[in-house]
């Protein structure tokens, strides 16, 4: 999960935004809206802010010395580009006495300086737009990816399932298999009969259903457990579940797996035979 840089510069913010948007986030739509509002408000305030130098330019700038258009076609093209209002200059243009001031004649050198100033101000304005856009994206992204939805979405996880049922003999622990991939963003990951916890460890869970078999002594007790794949250490074990009113049962077990360890799930019943299946195995990486 990307972390906001400390005292970020322009390109630090750009890199953070790129890294963040390359990371999935499953936050609901209203969280996006709530994070968007303060970022958009700050960007708007910065864009409409002005200083006394902007007011002075609007007051003193001679008529006809705005942006120069060297051709009809270029003029039409530039008109198609939306222009954000420069409030300081608009205020300066409407101060009493501005019209009389604009009517004064300037020397050729003075006019040239005004044209240079216009070009420089236009460049600075678009640099301001780029900077505000960068700040807006950074503020919005850093707010969004600080929510627990995005933090959880960035964690490694998987889900595998196994439709149908398999018959198992009783009295022994049997390793379970899940062969249908629902989704997987390693690590952790799953390989048919075992999983890898990854560098941070994970919480692994499984759920299975049980059905009775007509062969031999019917089962009355069902268990599942989470074990270390290499050492067979029992990490978590479910209780002994009995039958429900429909003569079926279900087991759920969930437990933590340490960093770098492999794990698997096993099932057991006390009858001659029983069917196990319709199960799912999931895991979520630790923070």
Foldseek 3Di string as FASTA:
>chain_A
DDAQDDPDDLVSLVVSLVVLVVFDFDDDPVLLVVLLVVLVVVLVVLLQDDDLVLLVCLQQPAPPLADDDPDPVVVVVVVVDDDDDHVSSVNNVPDPPSVVNNPDDDDPVVSVVSNVVNVVVVVVSVVSVSSSVSSSSSSSSNSSCVDVRNVQSRWWKFKFFFPDKDKDFADDKDQAFGDGGPDGDDVWDDDGRKIWQAQQWKKKKKKKKKAWDPPFFTWFWKKKFKAFPPPRHTFWIWGTDGADPVRMDMDMIMGIDGHGTMMTMIMHTHTRMMMMHRMMMMITGDD
